[in-house]
Amino acid sequence: MALNKVEICGVDTSKLPLLKEDEKKELFARIKQGDQEAKEEYIKGNLRLVLSVIKRFANSNENVDDLFQIGCVGLIKAINNFNTDLDVKFSTYAVPMIIGEIRRYMRDNSSIRVSRSLRDIAYKAIYAKENYLKRNLKEPTIQEIADEIGIPKEDIAFAMDAIQTPMSLQEPVYNDGDDALYVMDQISDKKNREENWIEELALQAAMKCLNERERYIIKLRFYEGKTQMEVAEEIAISQAQVSRLEKHALKTMRNYLRN
């Protein structure tokens, strides 16, 4: 798949504009007011982002023009749904949506198909897994997931294996009126940091709810794998104090993640 062409879908890539941060903020303010010209300008200013994403699919046999068009659909969806009140860069939010749109296109054009029933089981398992992780701050076993959703663990394992083919992060798990829950809202992929960003952002935000000592204890315990005794020695307090502070910190984080 050649990516060195100057023109993609009639767009001269060498002349794509670059928006400054203050320009982005001004355009988004106008977009919120329904200004379509501002939206078109913002789209043009982020087409380089789409190009950077489709380079990741350079080894595929898909036509670059098609991928560019599909990536633009993901870009527009990102613009429509982006919340400027969150402390997240637009590119951080948009990349997973663009990737998801492209993967859905590639999946739908693949000869491989996964039955709806298998996907439903897999989505339920993913949703149960993420809820368990938020409640307990640890990964559940497949048996714990099976107990949670009332489906045999063998069926869950088969369903999870079946969806290992490319699927869209924009695939809805369920839809309650206008409030749709998408796979990207729940799934965690340790092999791909772009698809793992939401979980990381959530945990980082939850850590900010802690005081400095609690953050340090959680870092030592769960990021560096130290025991409570080792933490106690490092910060010169008793093991009982470490245990008490750790429990309070985890409770604070769980409450934040549930809200």
Protein backbone atom coordinates (compact mmCIF):
# COMPACT_ATOMS: atom_id res chain seq x y z
CA MET A 1 0.00 0.00 0.00
CA ALA A 2 1.77 3.13 -1.17
CA LEU A 3 1.57 6.09 1.19
CA ASN A 4 3.96 8.46 -0.53
CA LYS A 5 1.41 9.77 -2.99
CA VAL A 6 0.78 13.49 -2.83
CA GLU A 7 -2.95 13.26 -3.49
CA ILE A 8 -5.38 11.05 -1.56
CA CYS A 9 -9.09 11.16 -2.41
CA GLY A 10 -8.46 14.42 -4.25
CA VAL A 11 -6.74 15.99 -1.21
CA ASP A 12 -3.28 17.46 -1.76
CA THR A 13 -1.57 16.20 1.41
CA SER A 14 1.35 18.57 0.98
CA LYS A 15 -0.99 21.55 1.49
CA LEU A 16 -2.89 20.39 4.53
CA PRO A 17 -3.06 23.14 7.19
CA LEU A 18 -1.60 22.87 10.68
CA LEU A 19 -3.72 24.34 13.47
CA LYS A 20 -2.22 26.01 16.53
CA GLU A 21 -3.67 25.27 19.97
CA ASP A 22 -5.39 28.65 20.25
CA GLU A 23 -6.89 28.16 16.78
CA LYS A 24 -8.23 24.74 17.81
CA LYS A 25 -9.89 26.18 20.92
CA GLU A 26 -11.46 29.01 18.94
CA LEU A 27 -12.75 26.66 16.25
CA PHE A 28 -14.24 24.26 18.80
CA ALA A 29 -16.03 27.13 20.51
CA ARG A 30 -17.59 27.98 17.15
CA ILE A 31 -18.37 24.33 16.43
CA LYS A 32 -20.32 24.08 19.70
CA GLN A 33 -22.42 26.99 18.45
CA GLY A 34 -23.25 25.10 15.25
CA ASP A 35 -20.75 26.81 12.93
CA GLN A 36 -20.33 24.37 10.01
CA GLU A 37 -17.52 26.38 8.42
CA ALA A 38 -15.53 26.08 11.64
CA LYS A 39 -16.17 22.34 11.65
CA GLU A 40 -14.92 21.96 8.09
CA GLU A 41 -11.82 23.99 8.94
CA TYR A 42 -11.18 21.82 12.00
CA ILE A 43 -11.55 18.66 9.93
CA LYS A 44 -9.05 19.94 7.36
CA GLY A 45 -6.68 20.89 10.18
CA ASN A 46 -6.71 17.31 11.48
CA LEU A 47 -6.43 15.36 8.23
CA ARG A 48 -2.74 14.83 8.97
CA LEU A 49 -3.89 12.88 12.03
CA VAL A 50 -5.88 10.56 9.77
CA LEU A 51 -2.83 10.09 7.55
CA SER A 52 -0.66 9.19 10.53
CA VAL A 53 -3.21 6.57 11.61
CA ILE A 54 -3.57 4.87 8.22
CA LYS A 55 0.21 4.42 8.09
CA ARG A 56 -0.30 1.81 10.80
CA PHE A 57 -2.21 -0.27 8.25
CA ALA A 58 0.58 -0.11 5.66
CA ASN A 59 0.90 -3.91 5.61
CA SER A 60 -2.75 -4.43 4.72
CA ASN A 61 -4.01 -4.91 1.20
CA GLU A 62 -6.62 -2.18 1.54
CA ASN A 63 -6.69 0.77 -0.83
CA VAL A 64 -5.17 3.84 0.82
CA ASP A 65 -7.92 6.11 -0.56
CA ASP A 66 -10.58 3.91 1.02
CA LEU A 67 -8.80 3.88 4.38
CA PHE A 68 -8.40 7.65 4.25
CA GLN A 69 -12.12 8.13 3.64
CA ILE A 70 -13.05 5.76 6.46
CA GLY A 71 -10.53 7.45 8.75
CA CYS A 72 -12.19 10.78 8.02
CA VAL A 73 -15.51 9.31 9.16
CA GLY A 74 -13.84 8.40 12.47
CA LEU A 75 -12.38 11.91 12.69
CA ILE A 76 -15.81 13.50 12.23
CA LYS A 77 -17.31 11.21 14.88
CA ALA A 78 -14.52 12.24 17.25
CA ILE A 79 -15.23 15.93 16.63
CA ASN A 80 -18.96 15.39 17.19
CA ASN A 81 -18.41 13.62 20.51
CA PHE A 82 -15.34 15.33 21.96
CA ASN A 83 -15.82 16.98 25.35
CA THR A 84 -13.57 20.02 25.61
CA ASP A 85 -14.14 20.18 29.37
CA LEU A 86 -12.04 17.03 29.87
CA ASP A 87 -8.31 17.39 30.36
CA VAL A 88 -7.58 15.27 27.29
CA LYS A 89 -5.95 16.29 24.02
CA PHE A 90 -8.19 15.93 20.97
CA SER A 91 -5.65 13.72 19.20
CA THR A 92 -5.61 11.33 22.20
CA TYR A 93 -9.39 11.04 21.97
CA ALA A 94 -9.59 10.90 18.18
CA VAL A 95 -6.94 8.27 17.39
CA PRO A 96 -8.86 5.30 18.91
CA MET A 97 -12.04 6.37 17.10
CA ILE A 98 -10.25 6.62 13.77
CA ILE A 99 -8.57 3.24 14.33
CA GLY A 100 -11.90 1.73 15.34
CA GLU A 101 -13.67 2.99 12.24
CA ILE A 102 -10.93 1.61 9.99
CA ARG A 103 -10.94 -1.77 11.73
CA ARG A 104 -14.70 -2.04 11.45
CA TYR A 105 -14.40 -1.37 7.73
CA MET A 106 -11.68 -4.02 7.42
CA ARG A 107 -13.70 -6.50 9.48
CA ASP A 108 -16.87 -5.93 7.46
CA ASN A 109 -14.91 -6.46 4.26
CA SER A 110 -13.29 -9.62 5.55
CA SER A 111 -14.50 -13.10 4.70
CA ILE A 112 -14.33 -13.96 8.42
CA ARG A 113 -17.62 -13.54 10.28
CA VAL A 114 -18.39 -13.96 13.97
CA SER A 115 -21.97 -14.88 14.88
CA ARG A 116 -24.07 -12.38 16.78
CA SER A 117 -24.56 -14.80 19.68
CA LEU A 118 -20.81 -15.24 20.13
CA ARG A 119 -20.23 -11.50 20.02
CA ASP A 120 -22.97 -10.97 22.61
CA ILE A 121 -21.28 -13.42 24.98
CA ALA A 122 -17.90 -11.78 24.39
CA TYR A 123 -19.29 -8.29 25.03
CA LYS A 124 -20.98 -9.43 28.25
CA ALA A 125 -17.69 -10.96 29.38
CA ILE A 126 -15.76 -7.78 28.53
CA TYR A 127 -18.28 -5.65 30.38
CA ALA A 128 -18.22 -7.95 33.43
CA LYS A 129 -14.42 -7.99 33.40
CA GLU A 130 -14.14 -4.21 33.40
CA ASN A 131 -16.75 -3.81 36.15
CA TYR A 132 -14.92 -6.38 38.26
CA LEU A 133 -11.63 -4.55 37.68
CA LYS A 134 -13.15 -1.24 38.76
CA ARG A 135 -14.65 -2.78 41.90
CA ASN A 136 -11.64 -4.84 42.96
CA LEU A 137 -8.68 -3.24 41.15
CA LYS A 138 -7.52 -6.63 39.92
CA GLU A 139 -8.16 -8.84 36.90
CA PRO A 140 -10.92 -11.46 37.35
CA THR A 141 -10.45 -15.11 36.50
CA ILE A 142 -12.56 -16.59 33.72
CA GLN A 143 -14.50 -18.50 36.40
CA GLU A 144 -15.30 -15.24 38.21
CA ILE A 145 -16.54 -13.76 34.92
CA ALA A 146 -18.63 -16.88 34.31
CA ASP A 147 -20.18 -16.59 37.78
CA GLU A 148 -20.91 -12.92 37.19
CA ILE A 149 -22.83 -13.34 33.93
CA GLY A 150 -24.13 -16.89 34.40
CA ILE A 151 -22.51 -18.36 31.29
CA PRO A 152 -20.24 -21.45 31.29
CA LYS A 153 -16.57 -20.55 31.26
CA GLU A 154 -16.00 -22.79 28.22
CA ASP A 155 -18.51 -20.71 26.21
CA ILE A 156 -16.83 -17.50 27.34
CA ALA A 157 -13.38 -18.74 26.32
CA PHE A 158 -14.71 -19.79 22.90
CA ALA A 159 -16.45 -16.44 22.36
CA MET A 160 -13.39 -14.42 23.39
CA ASP A 161 -11.23 -16.45 21.00
CA ALA A 162 -13.74 -15.85 18.21
CA ILE A 163 -13.53 -12.05 18.43
CA GLN A 164 -9.76 -11.92 18.21
CA THR A 165 -10.20 -10.96 14.54
CA PRO A 166 -10.22 -7.17 13.97
CA MET A 167 -13.36 -5.52 15.31
CA SER A 168 -14.47 -1.93 15.70
CA LEU A 169 -13.98 -0.07 18.95
CA GLN A 170 -17.19 1.71 17.94
CA GLU A 171 -19.24 -1.52 18.07
CA PRO A 172 -22.10 -0.90 20.54
CA VAL A 173 -22.32 -3.25 23.52
CA TYR A 174 -25.79 -1.96 24.28
CA ASN A 175 -27.85 1.12 23.47
CA ASP A 176 -30.19 2.79 25.93
CA GLY A 177 -31.76 5.57 23.92
CA ASP A 178 -29.03 8.10 23.18
CA ASP A 179 -26.60 6.62 25.72
CA ALA A 180 -24.74 3.93 23.80
CA LEU A 181 -21.97 1.92 25.44
CA TYR A 182 -19.27 1.05 22.93
CA VAL A 183 -16.54 -1.58 23.06
CA MET A 184 -13.91 1.17 23.36
CA ASP A 185 -15.63 2.28 26.59
CA GLN A 186 -14.97 -1.08 28.23
CA ILE A 187 -12.34 -3.14 26.47
CA SER A 188 -8.74 -3.26 27.58
CA ASP A 189 -6.04 -4.46 25.18
CA LYS A 190 -2.63 -4.75 26.79
CA LYS A 191 -0.95 -5.15 23.38
CA ASN A 192 -2.11 -1.83 21.96
CA ARG A 193 -1.68 1.34 23.98
CA GLU A 194 -3.98 3.36 21.72
CA GLU A 195 -6.85 1.04 22.62
CA ASN A 196 -5.83 1.03 26.28
CA TRP A 197 -5.78 4.79 26.78
CA ILE A 198 -9.21 5.18 28.41
CA GLU A 199 -8.40 2.77 31.24
CA GLU A 200 -5.07 4.49 31.84
CA LEU A 201 -6.67 7.94 31.89
CA ALA A 202 -9.33 6.74 34.35
CA LEU A 203 -6.74 5.30 36.73
CA GLN A 204 -4.60 8.42 36.46
CA ALA A 205 -7.62 10.57 37.28
CA ALA A 206 -8.50 8.32 40.22
CA MET A 207 -4.93 8.62 41.53
CA LYS A 208 -5.31 12.41 41.55
CA CYS A 209 -8.06 12.02 44.15
CA LEU A 210 -5.46 10.70 46.62
CA ASN A 211 -3.11 12.72 48.79
CA GLU A 212 0.63 12.62 48.11
CA ARG A 213 1.38 9.83 50.62
CA GLU A 214 -1.49 7.63 49.40
CA ARG A 215 -0.39 8.06 45.76
CA TYR A 216 3.14 7.05 46.70
CA ILE A 217 1.93 3.96 48.56
CA ILE A 218 -0.27 2.84 45.65
CA LYS A 219 2.64 3.41 43.25
CA LEU A 220 4.98 1.30 45.36
CA ARG A 221 2.43 -1.44 46.00
CA PHE A 222 0.76 -1.88 42.60
CA TYR A 223 3.18 -0.37 40.09
CA GLU A 224 6.45 -1.54 41.64
CA GLY A 225 5.07 -4.67 43.31
CA LYS A 226 6.47 -4.05 46.80
CA THR A 227 5.03 -5.65 49.93
CA GLN A 228 3.44 -3.63 52.72
CA MET A 229 6.48 -4.33 54.91
CA GLU A 230 8.82 -3.01 52.22
CA VAL A 231 6.67 0.09 51.80
CA ALA A 232 6.59 0.60 55.57
CA GLU A 233 10.38 0.49 55.73
CA GLU A 234 10.76 2.89 52.81
CA ILE A 235 8.47 5.60 54.19
CA ALA A 236 9.25 4.94 57.87
CA ILE A 237 5.81 4.04 59.19
CA SER A 238 4.32 0.82 60.53
CA GLN A 239 2.95 -1.97 58.34
CA ALA A 240 -0.45 -1.44 59.99
CA GLN A 241 -0.42 2.22 58.92
CA VAL A 242 0.49 1.23 55.38
CA SER A 243 -2.41 -1.24 55.33
CA ARG A 244 -4.84 1.36 56.63
CA LEU A 245 -3.70 4.04 54.17
CA GLU A 246 -3.75 1.55 51.29
CA LYS A 247 -7.32 0.45 52.07
CA HIS A 248 -8.48 4.06 52.26
CA ALA A 249 -6.75 4.91 48.97
CA LEU A 250 -8.28 1.92 47.16
CA LYS A 251 -11.73 2.78 48.52
CA THR A 252 -11.34 6.36 47.28
CA MET A 253 -10.29 5.17 43.83
CA ARG A 254 -13.13 2.65 43.62
CA ASN A 255 -15.68 5.33 44.53
CA TYR A 256 -14.26 7.64 41.88
CA LEU A 257 -14.32 4.97 39.16
CA ARG A 258 -17.91 3.99 39.99
CA ASN A 259 -19.19 7.57 39.61
